[in-house]
Structure formats: C-alpha cells, structure tokens
Amino acid sequence: MVKAEVRVTPRSARGIRTRAALVAAARVVFERDGYLDARLADISAEAGVASGSLYTYFEGKEEIFQAVAEQVTEEMVHPHLRARTGVTDPRELIDLANREYLRAYKKNAKLMGLFEQVSQIDEEFRALRVERATAFVQRNAKMIRTLQDAGAADAELDPLLTAHALSAMVSRMAYVAYVQKVPMPFERLVETLNRIWVKALSL
C-alpha cells in the first residue's frame, strides 16, 4: 500500500542529490517495466547507488512510486499561471492552462497511463490521486466563481460541478490522445477544448 510520507527528508546536499537521483531512476524503470514488474534493485542500479541506499529514503516500491507521482503532479498543475504570465483575460488563461496541461501530459504519457492502472489496484494511491485532482478542481471552481461574481460567466452554473466536468473533459481527452494514442492534431485539440470551456461558461 502507498504510504502518506517517505521515511526520510534529506537535509544534506548529498542526501538531496541521492534522493533526486533515485526518483529520476524510478521514473525510468517504471516507464520501462511498468509498476508490477519494476524492481527496487533495478531502480538503485539505474541511479548508480547501493541497493541499501534506497531504503534510507523510501520504505519500498509504493513510496518511491508515490514520489514519482508527486513530481509529475507538480509538472502538471501549472501553478500561478496568472502571476507568471501577466495574462488576465479568462479566454487567454484557459488557452494557456490547456496548452500547458496537454504538453505536460504528453511528456509524461507513459506514467499518466501507469497512474491510472495503479489507481485500480491500490486504494490508497487512488485516494491520493483523487485528493490531488480535487485540489486542482477547486482552483478552477474558484476561477469560475470569480468570473460569475464579475458578471462574466453564467451565474446559474454550479462552480464546483462545472469545474469537475470541464477538468475531466480535458484530462480524458489528454488520455485518449497521448495514452491511447488516438491521432489528434495538437492545435485542433486545444482549440476545441478552449471553445467548449468558453461556451460552457458563457464567457
């Protein structure tokens, strides 16, 4: 089962480098071998560290898989988009958010598919994925509520349910395009998703 925290948070520069090397190696091994067939010995070998070193930072395969998932999640959530870009127009923000998400999903497609598989066999990992997805949806709901308060979006929409629906649409389309590998031109995909977002909110 996936644990909520890793065993050790390294404080020395060497410890931080070693843990980072193990997580990077785990990404390689999980992508290559899948979750069930991945071995801790292979992760240690890929990282170029002694097998025992892995247990200094991780209790087992479940924890290091969680660490990989956390790293990928950080790449996917594109935080503080408005502050980073200076863009304030909601249509442009939706476009930027969808573009960043799709590019990150494509980059991590093998792992994203693997996360879906592990969610079906590990209840704790599934719960963690739901928790992270909920935080992302709540952020979108806050944006929708702000637009409603400004009179820029349909006031009758439930912000949270709408955020769930639109976020799920983008996520599922990314899965279809990059995990199931259904051919979809990137610009056409982005344009379609943007148009559905805008029309759904009545911007």
N, C-alpha and C. Protein backbone atom coordinates (compact mmCIF):
# COMPACT_ATOMS: atom_id res chain seq x y z
N MET A 1 0.84 -1.20 0.00
CA MET A 1 0.00 0.00 0.00
C MET A 1 0.87 1.25 0.00
N VAL A 2 0.38 2.33 -0.60
CA VAL A 2 1.13 3.57 -0.66
C VAL A 2 1.05 4.27 0.69
N LYS A 3 2.17 4.73 1.20
CA LYS A 3 2.21 5.43 2.46
C LYS A 3 2.06 6.92 2.21
N ALA A 4 1.65 7.64 3.24
CA ALA A 4 1.41 9.07 3.07
C ALA A 4 2.70 9.87 3.00
N GLU A 5 3.81 9.39 3.66
CA GLU A 5 5.04 10.14 3.69
C GLU A 5 6.22 9.20 3.49
N VAL A 6 7.31 9.75 2.95
CA VAL A 6 8.53 8.97 2.82
C VAL A 6 9.21 8.92 4.18
N ARG A 7 10.20 8.04 4.33
CA ARG A 7 10.80 7.81 5.63
C ARG A 7 11.71 8.95 6.07
N VAL A 8 12.48 9.49 5.12
CA VAL A 8 13.47 10.49 5.46
C VAL A 8 13.37 11.65 4.49
N THR A 9 13.42 12.88 5.05
CA THR A 9 13.55 14.05 4.20
C THR A 9 15.01 14.48 4.28
N PRO A 10 15.79 14.27 3.23
CA PRO A 10 17.22 14.56 3.30
C PRO A 10 17.47 16.05 3.48
N ARG A 11 18.49 16.37 4.27
CA ARG A 11 18.83 17.77 4.53
C ARG A 11 20.19 18.13 3.94
N SER A 12 21.08 17.17 3.84
CA SER A 12 22.39 17.46 3.26
C SER A 12 22.28 17.53 1.75
N ALA A 13 23.22 18.24 1.14
CA ALA A 13 23.24 18.35 -0.32
C ALA A 13 23.38 16.97 -0.95
N ARG A 14 24.20 16.14 -0.35
CA ARG A 14 24.40 14.78 -0.88
C ARG A 14 23.12 13.97 -0.77
N GLY A 15 22.44 14.09 0.37
CA GLY A 15 21.20 13.35 0.55
C GLY A 15 20.13 13.79 -0.44
N ILE A 16 20.04 15.09 -0.66
CA ILE A 16 19.06 15.62 -1.62
C ILE A 16 19.36 15.11 -3.01
N ARG A 17 20.64 15.10 -3.39
CA ARG A 17 21.03 14.60 -4.72
C ARG A 17 20.73 13.11 -4.86
N THR A 18 21.01 12.35 -3.81
CA THR A 18 20.77 10.91 -3.87
C THR A 18 19.29 10.60 -4.02
N ARG A 19 18.46 11.28 -3.23
CA ARG A 19 17.02 11.04 -3.32
C ARG A 19 16.50 11.44 -4.70
N ALA A 20 16.95 12.59 -5.20
CA ALA A 20 16.52 13.03 -6.53
C ALA A 20 16.94 12.04 -7.60
N ALA A 21 18.15 11.49 -7.46
CA ALA A 21 18.63 10.50 -8.43
C ALA A 21 17.78 9.24 -8.39
N LEU A 22 17.35 8.84 -7.20
CA LEU A 22 16.51 7.66 -7.06
C LEU A 22 15.14 7.88 -7.69
N VAL A 23 14.56 9.06 -7.47
CA VAL A 23 13.25 9.36 -8.07
C VAL A 23 13.36 9.40 -9.59
N ALA A 24 14.42 10.03 -10.10
CA ALA A 24 14.62 10.09 -11.55
C ALA A 24 14.80 8.69 -12.13
N ALA A 25 15.56 7.85 -11.42
CA ALA A 25 15.76 6.48 -11.87
C ALA A 25 14.46 5.69 -11.82
N ALA A 26 13.66 5.94 -10.79
CA ALA A 26 12.38 5.24 -10.66
C ALA A 26 11.47 5.58 -11.84
N ARG A 27 11.49 6.84 -12.27
CA ARG A 27 10.68 7.22 -13.44
C ARG A 27 11.08 6.39 -14.65
N VAL A 28 12.38 6.24 -14.84
CA VAL A 28 12.87 5.46 -15.99
C VAL A 28 12.41 4.01 -15.90
N VAL A 29 12.59 3.42 -14.73
CA VAL A 29 12.26 2.00 -14.55
C VAL A 29 10.76 1.76 -14.63
N PHE A 30 9.97 2.60 -13.99
CA PHE A 30 8.52 2.42 -14.05
C PHE A 30 8.00 2.58 -15.49
N GLU A 31 8.53 3.55 -16.22
CA GLU A 31 8.11 3.73 -17.60
C GLU A 31 8.51 2.53 -18.45
N ARG A 32 9.66 1.98 -18.19
CA ARG A 32 10.18 0.87 -18.99
C ARG A 32 9.52 -0.46 -18.65
N ASP A 33 9.37 -0.72 -17.34
CA ASP A 33 8.94 -2.05 -16.90
C ASP A 33 7.51 -2.12 -16.39
N GLY A 34 6.88 -0.95 -16.17
CA GLY A 34 5.56 -0.96 -15.54
C GLY A 34 5.68 -1.05 -14.04
N TYR A 35 4.56 -0.89 -13.36
CA TYR A 35 4.60 -0.87 -11.89
C TYR A 35 4.84 -2.26 -11.31
N LEU A 36 4.12 -3.24 -11.77
CA LEU A 36 4.20 -4.57 -11.17
C LEU A 36 5.55 -5.23 -11.38
N ASP A 37 6.16 -5.00 -12.54
CA ASP A 37 7.42 -5.66 -12.86
C ASP A 37 8.65 -4.85 -12.45
N ALA A 38 8.46 -3.61 -12.04
CA ALA A 38 9.60 -2.79 -11.61
C ALA A 38 10.20 -3.36 -10.33
N ARG A 39 11.55 -3.38 -10.26
CA ARG A 39 12.24 -3.91 -9.09
C ARG A 39 13.08 -2.81 -8.46
N LEU A 40 13.14 -2.83 -7.14
CA LEU A 40 13.92 -1.83 -6.43
C LEU A 40 15.40 -1.93 -6.79
N ALA A 41 15.88 -3.15 -7.01
CA ALA A 41 17.28 -3.33 -7.38
C ALA A 41 17.58 -2.63 -8.71
N ASP A 42 16.64 -2.67 -9.63
CA ASP A 42 16.84 -2.01 -10.92
C ASP A 42 16.83 -0.49 -10.77
N ILE A 43 16.00 0.01 -9.85
CA ILE A 43 15.97 1.45 -9.59
C ILE A 43 17.30 1.91 -9.00
N SER A 44 17.82 1.16 -8.04
CA SER A 44 19.11 1.51 -7.44
C SER A 44 20.22 1.47 -8.48
N ALA A 45 20.19 0.45 -9.33
CA ALA A 45 21.22 0.33 -10.37
C ALA A 45 21.14 1.49 -11.35
N GLU A 46 19.92 1.86 -11.73
CA GLU A 46 19.72 2.98 -12.66
C GLU A 46 20.23 4.28 -12.05
N ALA A 47 20.06 4.43 -10.73
CA ALA A 47 20.50 5.64 -10.04
C ALA A 47 21.99 5.62 -9.74
N GLY A 48 22.61 4.45 -9.86
CA GLY A 48 24.03 4.32 -9.57
C GLY A 48 24.35 4.38 -8.09
N VAL A 49 23.43 3.87 -7.27
CA VAL A 49 23.65 3.86 -5.82
C VAL A 49 23.51 2.43 -5.31
N ALA A 50 24.03 2.19 -4.11
CA ALA A 50 23.90 0.87 -3.50
C ALA A 50 22.44 0.58 -3.17
N SER A 51 22.07 -0.68 -3.26
CA SER A 51 20.68 -1.05 -3.03
C SER A 51 20.17 -0.59 -1.68
N GLY A 52 21.02 -0.65 -0.66
CA GLY A 52 20.60 -0.26 0.67
C GLY A 52 20.28 1.21 0.79
N SER A 53 20.86 2.03 -0.09
CA SER A 53 20.63 3.47 -0.02
C SER A 53 19.17 3.82 -0.25
N LEU A 54 18.49 3.04 -1.10
CA LEU A 54 17.10 3.34 -1.39
C LEU A 54 16.25 3.29 -0.12
N TYR A 55 16.55 2.34 0.76
CA TYR A 55 15.75 2.19 1.97
C TYR A 55 16.01 3.29 2.99
N THR A 56 17.04 4.09 2.77
CA THR A 56 17.26 5.24 3.62
C THR A 56 16.19 6.29 3.40
N TYR A 57 15.67 6.34 2.17
CA TYR A 57 14.72 7.39 1.78
C TYR A 57 13.31 6.89 1.52
N PHE A 58 13.18 5.62 1.19
CA PHE A 58 11.87 5.08 0.83
C PHE A 58 11.67 3.72 1.49
N GLU A 59 10.44 3.49 1.94
CA GLU A 59 10.13 2.23 2.61
C GLU A 59 9.99 1.08 1.63
N GLY A 60 9.68 1.39 0.38
CA GLY A 60 9.52 0.33 -0.61
C GLY A 60 9.08 0.91 -1.94
N LYS A 61 8.65 0.04 -2.81
CA LYS A 61 8.27 0.45 -4.16
C LYS A 61 7.09 1.41 -4.14
N GLU A 62 6.16 1.19 -3.22
CA GLU A 62 4.97 2.04 -3.17
C GLU A 62 5.34 3.50 -2.89
N GLU A 63 6.27 3.70 -1.95
CA GLU A 63 6.64 5.07 -1.59
C GLU A 63 7.40 5.77 -2.71
N ILE A 64 8.30 5.07 -3.36
CA ILE A 64 9.05 5.73 -4.42
C ILE A 64 8.15 5.98 -5.63
N PHE A 65 7.15 5.12 -5.83
CA PHE A 65 6.18 5.37 -6.89
C PHE A 65 5.37 6.62 -6.56
N GLN A 66 5.01 6.78 -5.29
CA GLN A 66 4.29 7.97 -4.86
C GLN A 66 5.14 9.21 -5.10
N ALA A 67 6.44 9.12 -4.82
CA ALA A 67 7.33 10.27 -5.03
C ALA A 67 7.37 10.65 -6.51
N VAL A 68 7.39 9.67 -7.38
CA VAL A 68 7.35 9.94 -8.82
C VAL A 68 6.04 10.63 -9.18
N ALA A 69 4.94 10.12 -8.63
CA ALA A 69 3.63 10.71 -8.91
C ALA A 69 3.56 12.16 -8.44
N GLU A 70 4.13 12.44 -7.27
CA GLU A 70 4.13 13.81 -6.76
C GLU A 70 4.93 14.73 -7.67
N GLN A 71 6.05 14.24 -8.17
CA GLN A 71 6.88 15.04 -9.06
C GLN A 71 6.14 15.35 -10.36
N VAL A 72 5.50 14.35 -10.91
CA VAL A 72 4.75 14.56 -12.15
C VAL A 72 3.58 15.51 -11.92
N THR A 73 2.91 15.38 -10.77
CA THR A 73 1.80 16.27 -10.45
C THR A 73 2.24 17.71 -10.43
N GLU A 74 3.42 17.96 -9.86
CA GLU A 74 3.94 19.33 -9.83
C GLU A 74 4.13 19.88 -11.24
N GLU A 75 4.51 19.01 -12.17
CA GLU A 75 4.70 19.44 -13.55
C GLU A 75 3.37 19.70 -14.24
N MET A 76 2.31 19.07 -13.75
CA MET A 76 1.03 19.13 -14.45
C MET A 76 0.14 20.29 -14.03
N VAL A 77 0.31 20.80 -12.82
CA VAL A 77 -0.70 21.72 -12.29
C VAL A 77 -0.52 23.17 -12.70
N HIS A 78 0.61 23.49 -13.39
CA HIS A 78 0.91 24.86 -13.84
C HIS A 78 0.41 25.93 -12.86
N PRO A 79 1.01 25.99 -11.64
CA PRO A 79 0.52 26.92 -10.61
C PRO A 79 0.79 28.38 -10.96
N HIS A 80 -0.02 29.26 -10.40
CA HIS A 80 0.19 30.71 -10.50
C HIS A 80 0.32 31.18 -11.95
N LEU A 81 -0.52 30.64 -12.80
CA LEU A 81 -0.43 30.95 -14.23
C LEU A 81 -0.62 32.45 -14.47
N ARG A 82 -1.59 33.03 -13.80
CA ARG A 82 -1.86 34.46 -13.99
C ARG A 82 -0.65 35.31 -13.57
N ALA A 83 -0.06 34.96 -12.41
CA ALA A 83 1.09 35.72 -11.92
C ALA A 83 2.31 35.54 -12.80
N ARG A 84 2.50 34.34 -13.31
CA ARG A 84 3.68 34.05 -14.13
C ARG A 84 3.62 34.73 -15.49
N THR A 85 2.43 34.85 -16.05
CA THR A 85 2.29 35.34 -17.42
C THR A 85 1.81 36.78 -17.51
N GLY A 86 1.15 37.26 -16.47
CA GLY A 86 0.57 38.59 -16.52
C GLY A 86 -0.74 38.64 -17.29
N VAL A 87 -1.21 37.49 -17.79
CA VAL A 87 -2.45 37.42 -18.55
C VAL A 87 -3.64 37.48 -17.60
N THR A 88 -4.62 38.29 -17.93
CA THR A 88 -5.82 38.40 -17.10
C THR A 88 -7.10 38.03 -17.84
N ASP A 89 -7.08 38.06 -19.17
CA ASP A 89 -8.26 37.70 -19.93
C ASP A 89 -8.58 36.22 -19.72
N PRO A 90 -9.81 35.88 -19.30
CA PRO A 90 -10.14 34.48 -18.98
C PRO A 90 -9.97 33.54 -20.17
N ARG A 91 -10.26 34.00 -21.38
CA ARG A 91 -10.10 33.14 -22.56
C ARG A 91 -8.64 32.80 -22.78
N GLU A 92 -7.77 33.79 -22.62
CA GLU A 92 -6.33 33.54 -22.78
C GLU A 92 -5.80 32.64 -21.69
N LEU A 93 -6.31 32.82 -20.46
CA LEU A 93 -5.87 31.97 -19.35
C LEU A 93 -6.29 30.52 -19.58
N ILE A 94 -7.51 30.32 -20.06
CA ILE A 94 -7.98 28.97 -20.37
C ILE A 94 -7.09 28.34 -21.44
N ASP A 95 -6.77 29.12 -22.46
CA ASP A 95 -5.91 28.61 -23.54
C ASP A 95 -4.53 28.23 -23.01
N LEU A 96 -3.92 29.10 -22.21
CA LEU A 96 -2.60 28.82 -21.66
C LEU A 96 -2.62 27.59 -20.75
N ALA A 97 -3.65 27.51 -19.91
CA ALA A 97 -3.76 26.38 -18.98
C ALA A 97 -3.91 25.06 -19.73
N ASN A 98 -4.77 25.05 -20.74
CA ASN A 98 -4.97 23.83 -21.52
C ASN A 98 -3.70 23.43 -22.26
N ARG A 99 -3.00 24.40 -22.82
CA ARG A 99 -1.76 24.12 -23.54
C ARG A 99 -0.70 23.53 -22.61
N GLU A 100 -0.51 24.15 -21.46
CA GLU A 100 0.49 23.65 -20.52
C GLU A 100 0.14 22.25 -20.05
N TYR A 101 -1.13 22.03 -19.75
CA TYR A 101 -1.55 20.72 -19.26
C TYR A 101 -1.32 19.64 -20.32
N LEU A 102 -1.74 19.91 -21.54
CA LEU A 102 -1.60 18.92 -22.61
C LEU A 102 -0.14 18.63 -22.93
N ARG A 103 0.69 19.65 -22.93
CA ARG A 103 2.11 19.42 -23.20
C ARG A 103 2.74 18.58 -22.09
N ALA A 104 2.40 18.90 -20.83
CA ALA A 104 2.94 18.13 -19.71
C ALA A 104 2.41 16.70 -19.73
N TYR A 105 1.15 16.52 -20.08
CA TYR A 105 0.56 15.18 -20.15
C TYR A 105 1.26 14.36 -21.22
N LYS A 106 1.48 14.97 -22.38
CA LYS A 106 2.14 14.26 -23.47
C LYS A 106 3.55 13.84 -23.07
N LYS A 107 4.26 14.74 -22.39
CA LYS A 107 5.62 14.44 -21.93
C LYS A 107 5.63 13.26 -20.96
N ASN A 108 4.60 13.17 -20.13
CA ASN A 108 4.53 12.14 -19.08
C ASN A 108 3.50 11.06 -19.39
N ALA A 109 3.19 10.85 -20.67
CA ALA A 109 2.07 9.98 -21.05
C ALA A 109 2.21 8.56 -20.50
N LYS A 110 3.40 7.99 -20.56
CA LYS A 110 3.56 6.62 -20.06
C LYS A 110 3.24 6.53 -18.58
N LEU A 111 3.72 7.49 -17.82
CA LEU A 111 3.45 7.48 -16.39
C LEU A 111 1.99 7.79 -16.10
N MET A 112 1.39 8.69 -16.86
CA MET A 112 -0.03 9.01 -16.63
C MET A 112 -0.89 7.77 -16.84
N GLY A 113 -0.58 7.00 -17.87
CA GLY A 113 -1.30 5.75 -18.09
C GLY A 113 -1.07 4.77 -16.95
N LEU A 114 0.16 4.75 -16.44
CA LEU A 114 0.50 3.86 -15.33
C LEU A 114 -0.22 4.28 -14.05
N PHE A 115 -0.35 5.59 -13.83
CA PHE A 115 -1.06 6.05 -12.65
C PHE A 115 -2.52 5.57 -12.68
N GLU A 116 -3.11 5.58 -13.85
CA GLU A 116 -4.49 5.10 -13.97
C GLU A 116 -4.57 3.61 -13.61
N GLN A 117 -3.60 2.84 -14.07
CA GLN A 117 -3.60 1.40 -13.78
C GLN A 117 -3.44 1.14 -12.29
N VAL A 118 -2.47 1.81 -11.67
CA VAL A 118 -2.21 1.57 -10.25
C VAL A 118 -3.39 2.03 -9.40
N SER A 119 -4.09 3.07 -9.83
CA SER A 119 -5.26 3.53 -9.10
C SER A 119 -6.34 2.46 -9.00
N GLN A 120 -6.33 1.53 -9.95
CA GLN A 120 -7.33 0.46 -9.95
C GLN A 120 -6.97 -0.69 -9.02
N ILE A 121 -5.70 -0.75 -8.60
CA ILE A 121 -5.28 -1.89 -7.77
C ILE A 121 -4.82 -1.47 -6.38
N ASP A 122 -4.64 -0.18 -6.16
CA ASP A 122 -4.16 0.30 -4.87
C ASP A 122 -5.10 1.41 -4.39
N GLU A 123 -5.91 1.09 -3.40
CA GLU A 123 -6.93 2.03 -2.93
C GLU A 123 -6.31 3.30 -2.36
N GLU A 124 -5.20 3.18 -1.63
CA GLU A 124 -4.58 4.36 -1.04
C GLU A 124 -4.01 5.27 -2.12
N PHE A 125 -3.43 4.68 -3.14
CA PHE A 125 -2.90 5.51 -4.23
C PHE A 125 -4.06 6.20 -4.95
N ARG A 126 -5.15 5.48 -5.14
CA ARG A 126 -6.33 6.08 -5.78
C ARG A 126 -6.84 7.27 -4.97
N ALA A 127 -6.87 7.10 -3.64
CA ALA A 127 -7.35 8.18 -2.78
C ALA A 127 -6.44 9.40 -2.87
N LEU A 128 -5.15 9.16 -2.95
CA LEU A 128 -4.21 10.27 -3.08
C LEU A 128 -4.40 10.99 -4.41
N ARG A 129 -4.64 10.23 -5.47
CA ARG A 129 -4.87 10.84 -6.79
C ARG A 129 -6.15 11.68 -6.77
N VAL A 130 -7.18 11.15 -6.13
CA VAL A 130 -8.44 11.89 -6.04
C VAL A 130 -8.24 13.18 -5.25
N GLU A 131 -7.47 13.09 -4.17
CA GLU A 131 -7.22 14.27 -3.33
C GLU A 131 -6.51 15.36 -4.14
N ARG A 132 -5.50 14.99 -4.90
CA ARG A 132 -4.77 15.97 -5.70
C ARG A 132 -5.63 16.54 -6.81
N ALA A 133 -6.42 15.67 -7.44
CA ALA A 133 -7.31 16.14 -8.50
C ALA A 133 -8.36 17.10 -7.95
N THR A 134 -8.84 16.82 -6.75
CA THR A 134 -9.84 17.68 -6.13
C THR A 134 -9.28 19.07 -5.87
N ALA A 135 -8.03 19.15 -5.43
CA ALA A 135 -7.40 20.45 -5.20
C ALA A 135 -7.32 21.24 -6.50
N PHE A 136 -7.00 20.56 -7.58
CA PHE A 136 -6.92 21.19 -8.90
C PHE A 136 -8.30 21.69 -9.33
N VAL A 137 -9.31 20.87 -9.12
CA VAL A 137 -10.67 21.24 -9.50
C VAL A 137 -11.15 22.43 -8.67
N GLN A 138 -10.84 22.44 -7.39
CA GLN A 138 -11.25 23.54 -6.53
C GLN A 138 -10.64 24.86 -6.98
N ARG A 139 -9.42 24.80 -7.49
CA ARG A 139 -8.80 26.01 -8.02
C ARG A 139 -9.56 26.51 -9.23
N ASN A 140 -9.96 25.61 -10.12
CA ASN A 140 -10.75 26.00 -11.28
C ASN A 140 -12.13 26.53 -10.85
N ALA A 141 -12.70 25.91 -9.83
CA ALA A 141 -14.00 26.37 -9.33
C ALA A 141 -13.90 27.79 -8.79
N LYS A 142 -12.80 28.11 -8.13
CA LYS A 142 -12.59 29.45 -7.62
C LYS A 142 -12.54 30.46 -8.76
N MET A 143 -11.87 30.08 -9.85
CA MET A 143 -11.80 30.96 -11.02
C MET A 143 -13.19 31.18 -11.61
N ILE A 144 -13.97 30.11 -11.72
CA ILE A 144 -15.32 30.21 -12.27
C ILE A 144 -16.19 31.11 -11.39
N ARG A 145 -16.08 30.93 -10.08
CA ARG A 145 -16.86 31.74 -9.15
C ARG A 145 -16.49 33.21 -9.27
N THR A 146 -15.20 33.49 -9.45
CA THR A 146 -14.75 34.87 -9.62
C THR A 146 -15.34 35.48 -10.88
N LEU A 147 -15.37 34.72 -11.96
CA LEU A 147 -15.96 35.19 -13.21
C LEU A 147 -17.45 35.44 -13.05
N GLN A 148 -18.12 34.56 -12.31
CA GLN A 148 -19.55 34.75 -12.07
C GLN A 148 -19.81 36.02 -11.27
N ASP A 149 -19.01 36.25 -10.25
CA ASP A 149 -19.18 37.44 -9.42
C ASP A 149 -18.96 38.71 -10.23
N ALA A 150 -18.11 38.62 -11.25
CA ALA A 150 -17.84 39.78 -12.10
C ALA A 150 -18.86 39.92 -13.22
N GLY A 151 -19.82 38.99 -13.29
CA GLY A 151 -20.84 39.02 -14.33
C GLY A 151 -20.32 38.56 -15.68
N ALA A 152 -19.18 37.84 -15.69
CA ALA A 152 -18.56 37.43 -16.95
C ALA A 152 -18.88 35.98 -17.32
N ALA A 153 -19.52 35.22 -16.41
CA ALA A 153 -19.85 33.82 -16.67
C ALA A 153 -21.26 33.52 -16.20
N ASP A 154 -21.83 32.46 -16.73
CA ASP A 154 -23.20 32.04 -16.40
C ASP A 154 -23.35 31.87 -14.89
N ALA A 155 -24.17 32.71 -14.28
CA ALA A 155 -24.33 32.70 -12.82
C ALA A 155 -25.10 31.49 -12.32
N GLU A 156 -25.79 30.78 -13.19
CA GLU A 156 -26.60 29.64 -12.76
C GLU A 156 -25.79 28.35 -12.67
N LEU A 157 -24.58 28.36 -13.17
CA LEU A 157 -23.75 27.16 -13.10
C LEU A 157 -23.25 26.92 -11.69
N ASP A 158 -23.20 25.66 -11.29
CA ASP A 158 -22.56 25.29 -10.03
C ASP A 158 -21.05 25.31 -10.28
N PRO A 159 -20.30 26.19 -9.63
CA PRO A 159 -18.88 26.32 -9.94
C PRO A 159 -18.08 25.03 -9.76
N LEU A 160 -18.35 24.30 -8.68
CA LEU A 160 -17.57 23.10 -8.41
C LEU A 160 -17.90 21.99 -9.40
N LEU A 161 -19.19 21.76 -9.65
CA LEU A 161 -19.58 20.72 -10.59
C LEU A 161 -19.09 21.05 -12.00
N THR A 162 -19.17 22.33 -12.36
CA THR A 162 -18.70 22.75 -13.68
C THR A 162 -17.20 22.53 -13.80
N ALA A 163 -16.46 22.87 -12.74
CA ALA A 163 -15.02 22.66 -12.76
C ALA A 163 -14.69 21.17 -12.87
N HIS A 164 -15.44 20.32 -12.15
CA HIS A 164 -15.23 18.87 -12.27
C HIS A 164 -15.45 18.42 -13.72
N ALA A 165 -16.54 18.87 -14.32
CA ALA A 165 -16.90 18.43 -15.66
C ALA A 165 -15.86 18.87 -16.69
N LEU A 166 -15.48 20.13 -16.65
CA LEU A 166 -14.55 20.65 -17.64
C LEU A 166 -13.14 20.09 -17.44
N SER A 167 -12.72 19.96 -16.19
CA SER A 167 -11.40 19.39 -15.91
C SER A 167 -11.34 17.93 -16.35
N ALA A 168 -12.42 17.19 -16.09
CA ALA A 168 -12.47 15.79 -16.50
C ALA A 168 -12.42 15.66 -18.02
N MET A 169 -13.08 16.57 -18.71
CA MET A 169 -13.06 16.55 -20.17
C MET A 169 -11.62 16.70 -20.69
N VAL A 170 -10.91 17.69 -20.18
CA VAL A 170 -9.55 17.93 -20.64
C VAL A 170 -8.65 16.74 -20.31
N SER A 171 -8.77 16.23 -19.09
CA SER A 171 -7.96 15.10 -18.66
C SER A 171 -8.22 13.86 -19.51
N ARG A 172 -9.50 13.58 -19.76
CA ARG A 172 -9.85 12.40 -20.54
C ARG A 172 -9.38 12.52 -21.98
N MET A 173 -9.52 13.71 -22.55
CA MET A 173 -9.06 13.91 -23.92
C MET A 173 -7.55 13.76 -24.01
N ALA A 174 -6.84 14.20 -22.99
CA ALA A 174 -5.39 14.00 -22.96
C ALA A 174 -5.06 12.51 -22.90
N TYR A 175 -5.81 11.77 -22.11
CA TYR A 175 -5.61 10.32 -22.00
C TYR A 175 -5.85 9.65 -23.36
N VAL A 176 -6.92 10.03 -24.02
CA VAL A 176 -7.25 9.44 -25.32
C VAL A 176 -6.16 9.76 -26.34
N ALA A 177 -5.69 11.01 -26.33
CA ALA A 177 -4.70 11.44 -27.32
C ALA A 177 -3.32 10.86 -27.07
N TYR A 178 -2.89 10.81 -25.80
CA TYR A 178 -1.48 10.51 -25.54
C TYR A 178 -1.22 9.16 -24.87
N VAL A 179 -2.24 8.56 -24.27
CA VAL A 179 -2.08 7.21 -23.74
C VAL A 179 -2.65 6.19 -24.72
N GLN A 180 -3.88 6.44 -25.16
CA GLN A 180 -4.48 5.55 -26.16
C GLN A 180 -3.99 5.85 -27.57
N LYS A 181 -3.34 6.99 -27.74
CA LYS A 181 -2.68 7.39 -28.98
C LYS A 181 -3.65 7.49 -30.17
N VAL A 182 -4.83 8.04 -29.89
CA VAL A 182 -5.76 8.36 -30.97
C VAL A 182 -5.25 9.64 -31.63
N PRO A 183 -5.04 9.64 -32.95
CA PRO A 183 -4.46 10.81 -33.61
C PRO A 183 -5.32 12.06 -33.44
N MET A 184 -4.71 13.10 -32.90
CA MET A 184 -5.40 14.38 -32.73
C MET A 184 -4.38 15.49 -32.90
N PRO A 185 -4.52 16.33 -33.93
CA PRO A 185 -3.60 17.46 -34.08
C PRO A 185 -3.66 18.37 -32.85
N PHE A 186 -2.51 18.75 -32.34
CA PHE A 186 -2.45 19.49 -31.08
C PHE A 186 -3.27 20.78 -31.13
N GLU A 187 -3.07 21.59 -32.16
CA GLU A 187 -3.78 22.86 -32.23
C GLU A 187 -5.29 22.68 -32.33
N ARG A 188 -5.72 21.66 -33.08
CA ARG A 188 -7.15 21.40 -33.20
C ARG A 188 -7.72 20.96 -31.85
N LEU A 189 -6.96 20.14 -31.13
CA LEU A 189 -7.40 19.68 -29.82
C LEU A 189 -7.53 20.85 -28.85
N VAL A 190 -6.51 21.70 -28.80
CA VAL A 190 -6.55 22.85 -27.90
C VAL A 190 -7.71 23.77 -28.25
N GLU A 191 -7.86 24.06 -29.53
CA GLU A 191 -8.92 24.96 -29.97
C GLU A 191 -10.30 24.42 -29.60
N THR A 192 -10.49 23.12 -29.76
CA THR A 192 -11.78 22.50 -29.43
C THR A 192 -12.06 22.57 -27.94
N LEU A 193 -11.08 22.22 -27.13
CA LEU A 193 -11.25 22.27 -25.68
C LEU A 193 -11.52 23.70 -25.20
N ASN A 194 -10.78 24.65 -25.76
CA ASN A 194 -10.99 26.05 -25.38
C ASN A 194 -12.41 26.50 -25.71
N ARG A 195 -12.86 26.12 -26.90
CA ARG A 195 -14.19 26.55 -27.34
C ARG A 195 -15.27 25.97 -26.42
N ILE A 196 -15.11 24.70 -26.03
CA ILE A 196 -16.09 24.08 -25.14
C ILE A 196 -16.08 24.77 -23.78
N TRP A 197 -14.89 25.06 -23.25
CA TRP A 197 -14.79 25.79 -21.98
C TRP A 197 -15.53 27.11 -22.06
N VAL A 198 -15.23 27.89 -23.10
CA VAL A 198 -15.80 29.23 -23.24
C VAL A 198 -17.31 29.16 -23.37
N LYS A 199 -17.81 28.27 -24.21
CA LYS A 199 -19.24 28.14 -24.41
C LYS A 199 -19.94 27.62 -23.16
N ALA A 200 -19.31 26.68 -22.48
CA ALA A 200 -19.92 26.13 -21.26
C ALA A 200 -20.11 27.21 -20.20
N LEU A 201 -19.14 28.10 -20.09
CA LEU A 201 -19.21 29.17 -19.09
C LEU A 201 -20.00 30.38 -19.58
N SER A 202 -20.32 30.40 -20.87
CA SER A 202 -20.99 31.55 -21.48
C SER A 202 -20.17 32.82 -21.29
N LEU A 203 -18.87 32.71 -21.55
CA LEU A 203 -18.00 33.87 -21.41
C LEU A 203 -18.31 34.90 -22.48
